[in-house]
Each structure stands twice: as structure tokens, then as C-alpha cells.
């Protein structure tokens, strides 16, 4: 099991502690002693000796905290809109634009909460996510409406033209994936 450079899961730490304790208990039973129990644990689980010693020291300091420790989130926080919600958002905005109905970020936030989005998502954070996703506010009859940016619409039209051009006639020039 390759663990170098990755944090150890609480389950793996628990297994490491249990294997080390087993080797400590059966120290006199083995006929062939191939080093300390920490070395045998490291060899059995495919981790370094320093990792075994660090985990064992942590388990002796706080045995309950080590096993029940939740894995910490590292790195950049997840996006506000998951891929599934981005697709639903795009369809929702397109449908509203087709119908000519007014749509705001607040209305979209309520819709996304009903669809399973983050209930504590700020409207301004949602606005930045929409901007990254290719949406903008355009002129409506009395107020601004949420719509797709022009370059996104143009790219979709280009793609569909190429797709229709590929399907002309009975044979397909290039296979579509």
C-alpha cells in the first residue's frame, strides 16, 4: 500500500496500532526474531519505521483521539457548484431565458438549495461561481436578467454547427463520442 506523501486514514492508524500491539504481545512466541516489533510492523504494512514510531507515540499520548480522529480537509475548498449542480443551473437559466421570465441570484440560490446545494452559500459567492461558469447579467425590459455570456453561447452554436455538419448524408465523417 503506497502511503508516502499521503495522510494516513484513522482506520489505517488503528490497524497499525493493533499490529504493533500484536507483535509486542507475541515477542517471546516467535522462534525467528527479525528485529523489533516496530520494524516488523513497518515491513508487514509497507510503511516506514518512522511512520510506525510516530503513530505509536501519538496513540500512547491520546489513544482515543488517534482512532476517532477525522481526516482534515487539506488544500483548496470544494467549489460552490458541483458538476451536477452546474448542469442543473445552466438548464434552469436557459429555461428561464426561453420563457422570458425574470431570474435573480437569490432565486437561483433558493432553487439550488432545493436541488441539494450548500444551504449556507452566500449570494455573492454564488455570483462569482456563476461568473466563472460563463453567466452574466444582461438587459431585460425593466431590470437585469441572468443569462449566459455571449462567448459561451457562440461556442455552443459553433459546436452544434460542427456536429450537424458531421452528420450530413448517410455516413458520419468522424465518430462522435
Protein backbone atom coordinates (compact mmCIF):
# COMPACT_ATOMS: atom_id res chain seq x y z
CA UNK A 1 0.00 0.00 0.00
CA UNK A 2 1.58 3.27 -1.11
CA UNK A 3 1.18 5.87 1.61
CA UNK A 4 4.18 8.08 1.02
CA UNK A 5 3.13 11.70 0.85
CA UNK A 6 -0.48 10.99 1.78
CA UNK A 7 -2.06 11.38 5.21
CA UNK A 8 -2.91 8.12 6.94
CA UNK A 9 -6.58 7.38 7.45
CA UNK A 10 -7.82 6.77 11.01
CA UNK A 11 -8.61 3.14 10.07
CA UNK A 12 -5.06 2.55 8.83
CA UNK A 13 -3.65 4.12 12.01
CA UNK A 14 -5.85 1.82 14.08
CA UNK A 15 -4.63 -1.20 12.12
CA UNK A 16 -1.05 -0.09 12.60
CA UNK A 17 -1.53 0.20 16.37
CA UNK A 18 -3.21 -3.22 16.54
CA UNK A 19 -0.45 -4.94 14.53
CA UNK A 20 2.23 -3.31 16.68
CA UNK A 21 0.44 -4.42 19.86
CA UNK A 22 0.15 -7.95 18.46
CA UNK A 23 3.87 -8.12 17.73
CA UNK A 24 4.62 -6.77 21.21
CA UNK A 25 2.42 -9.43 22.85
CA UNK A 26 3.87 -12.33 20.84
CA UNK A 27 7.50 -11.27 21.18
CA UNK A 28 8.57 -14.44 23.03
CA UNK A 29 6.48 -16.83 20.87
CA UNK A 30 8.42 -16.32 17.66
CA UNK A 31 11.40 -18.54 17.01
CA UNK A 32 12.93 -16.16 14.49
CA UNK A 33 13.34 -12.63 15.75
CA UNK A 34 13.85 -10.40 12.72
CA UNK A 35 14.18 -7.10 14.54
CA UNK A 36 11.91 -5.11 16.78
CA UNK A 37 8.15 -5.23 16.64
CA UNK A 38 8.13 -1.73 15.11
CA UNK A 39 10.36 -2.94 12.25
CA UNK A 40 8.14 -5.98 11.68
CA UNK A 41 5.03 -3.77 11.71
CA UNK A 42 6.57 -1.40 9.18
CA UNK A 43 7.54 -4.34 6.97
CA UNK A 44 4.12 -6.03 7.30
CA UNK A 45 2.14 -2.89 6.40
CA UNK A 46 4.54 -1.41 3.88
CA UNK A 47 5.19 1.85 5.70
CA UNK A 48 8.33 3.42 7.08
CA UNK A 49 9.73 2.77 10.53
CA UNK A 50 9.46 6.47 11.36
CA UNK A 51 5.74 6.40 10.50
CA UNK A 52 5.18 3.45 12.84
CA UNK A 53 7.04 5.17 15.66
CA UNK A 54 5.17 8.45 15.13
CA UNK A 55 1.75 6.78 15.10
CA UNK A 56 2.60 4.70 18.18
CA UNK A 57 3.77 7.81 20.05
CA UNK A 58 0.53 9.58 19.12
CA UNK A 59 -1.53 6.58 20.23
CA UNK A 60 0.23 6.47 23.61
CA UNK A 61 -0.35 10.19 24.09
CA UNK A 62 -4.09 10.02 23.33
CA UNK A 63 -5.35 6.53 22.42
CA UNK A 64 -8.98 7.56 21.86
CA UNK A 65 -8.20 10.72 19.87
CA UNK A 66 -5.99 8.92 17.36
CA UNK A 67 -8.53 6.29 16.41
CA UNK A 68 -11.52 8.64 16.22
CA UNK A 69 -9.63 11.43 14.50
CA UNK A 70 -11.47 12.74 11.48
CA UNK A 71 -9.44 13.29 8.36
CA UNK A 72 -8.74 17.00 7.97
CA UNK A 73 -9.62 18.70 4.73
CA UNK A 74 -6.49 19.92 3.05
CA UNK A 75 -5.96 22.24 0.13
CA UNK A 76 -8.45 24.37 -1.71
CA UNK A 77 -12.07 24.23 -0.55
CA UNK A 78 -14.52 22.48 -2.87
CA UNK A 79 -16.37 24.50 -5.49
CA UNK A 80 -19.66 26.09 -4.60
CA UNK A 81 -21.39 24.42 -7.54
CA UNK A 82 -20.67 20.75 -8.11
CA UNK A 83 -20.68 19.48 -11.69
CA UNK A 84 -24.21 18.13 -11.33
CA UNK A 85 -25.48 21.45 -9.94
CA UNK A 86 -23.70 23.38 -12.73
CA UNK A 87 -25.64 21.38 -15.30
CA UNK A 88 -28.94 21.96 -13.48
CA UNK A 89 -28.12 25.65 -13.08
CA UNK A 90 -27.39 26.03 -16.78
CA UNK A 91 -30.67 24.30 -17.70
CA UNK A 92 -32.61 26.41 -15.19
CA UNK A 93 -31.19 29.68 -16.58
CA UNK A 94 -31.75 28.61 -20.20
CA UNK A 95 -35.35 27.65 -19.45
CA UNK A 96 -35.98 30.98 -17.73
CA UNK A 97 -34.43 32.85 -20.67
CA UNK A 98 -36.57 30.90 -23.17
CA UNK A 99 -39.71 31.75 -21.22
CA UNK A 100 -38.59 35.36 -20.82
CA UNK A 101 -39.02 35.19 -17.05
CA UNK A 102 -37.02 37.26 -14.59
CA UNK A 103 -34.31 35.42 -12.64
CA UNK A 104 -32.01 36.71 -9.90
CA UNK A 105 -29.15 35.26 -7.89
CA UNK A 106 -31.45 34.99 -4.87
CA UNK A 107 -33.97 32.98 -6.87
CA UNK A 108 -31.19 30.77 -8.18
CA UNK A 109 -29.80 30.26 -4.65
CA UNK A 110 -33.25 29.10 -3.46
CA UNK A 111 -33.52 26.74 -6.44
CA UNK A 112 -30.07 25.28 -5.76
CA UNK A 113 -30.86 24.76 -2.07
CA UNK A 114 -33.96 22.83 -3.09
CA UNK A 115 -31.81 20.77 -5.51
CA UNK A 116 -29.30 19.83 -2.80
CA UNK A 117 -26.75 22.65 -2.90
CA UNK A 118 -24.92 24.19 0.04
CA UNK A 119 -27.57 25.80 2.31
CA UNK A 120 -25.05 28.29 3.73
CA UNK A 121 -23.77 29.54 0.38
CA UNK A 122 -23.53 33.32 0.13
CA UNK A 123 -25.28 35.01 -2.78
CA UNK A 124 -22.08 36.90 -3.67
CA UNK A 125 -20.11 33.62 -3.68
CA UNK A 126 -22.76 32.15 -5.96
CA UNK A 127 -22.39 35.22 -8.20
CA UNK A 128 -18.63 34.65 -8.52
CA UNK A 129 -19.24 30.97 -9.30
CA UNK A 130 -21.76 31.96 -11.98
CA UNK A 131 -19.25 34.40 -13.47
CA UNK A 132 -16.64 31.62 -13.67
CA UNK A 133 -19.28 29.35 -15.21
CA UNK A 134 -19.99 31.75 -18.08
CA UNK A 135 -23.07 33.63 -16.85
CA UNK A 136 -23.67 37.37 -16.80
CA UNK A 137 -26.47 39.82 -16.14
CA UNK A 138 -27.91 41.37 -19.30
CA UNK A 139 -30.50 43.98 -20.11
CA UNK A 140 -34.08 42.98 -19.52
CA UNK A 141 -37.24 45.00 -20.02
CA UNK A 142 -37.10 46.64 -16.58
CA UNK A 143 -34.14 45.07 -14.82
CA UNK A 144 -31.13 42.90 -15.49
CA UNK A 145 -31.59 39.20 -16.11
CA UNK A 146 -29.16 36.35 -15.55
CA UNK A 147 -28.06 34.87 -18.85
CA UNK A 148 -25.15 33.04 -20.44
CA UNK A 149 -22.21 35.09 -21.66
CA UNK A 150 -22.01 35.73 -25.39
CA UNK A 151 -18.83 33.71 -25.92
CA UNK A 152 -20.44 30.67 -24.24
CA UNK A 153 -23.49 30.91 -26.49
CA UNK A 154 -21.27 31.35 -29.57
CA UNK A 155 -19.16 28.33 -28.61
CA UNK A 156 -22.27 26.18 -28.18
CA UNK A 157 -23.60 27.31 -31.60
CA UNK A 158 -20.22 26.52 -33.23
CA UNK A 159 -20.17 23.09 -31.62
CA UNK A 160 -23.71 22.27 -32.75
CA UNK A 161 -22.98 23.51 -36.31
CA UNK A 162 -19.93 21.22 -36.49
CA UNK A 163 -21.95 18.32 -35.11
CA UNK A 164 -24.72 18.82 -37.68
CA UNK A 165 -22.13 19.19 -40.45
CA UNK A 166 -20.58 15.90 -39.42
CA UNK A 167 -23.96 14.15 -39.65
CA UNK A 168 -24.87 15.31 -43.19
CA UNK A 169 -25.53 12.48 -45.53
CA UNK A 170 -25.70 8.81 -44.66
CA UNK A 171 -22.12 8.41 -43.48
CA UNK A 172 -20.54 10.04 -40.47
CA UNK A 173 -17.17 11.66 -41.22
CA UNK A 174 -15.79 11.27 -37.72
CA UNK A 175 -17.29 9.17 -34.94
CA UNK A 176 -18.96 11.16 -32.16
CA UNK A 177 -18.12 10.34 -28.60
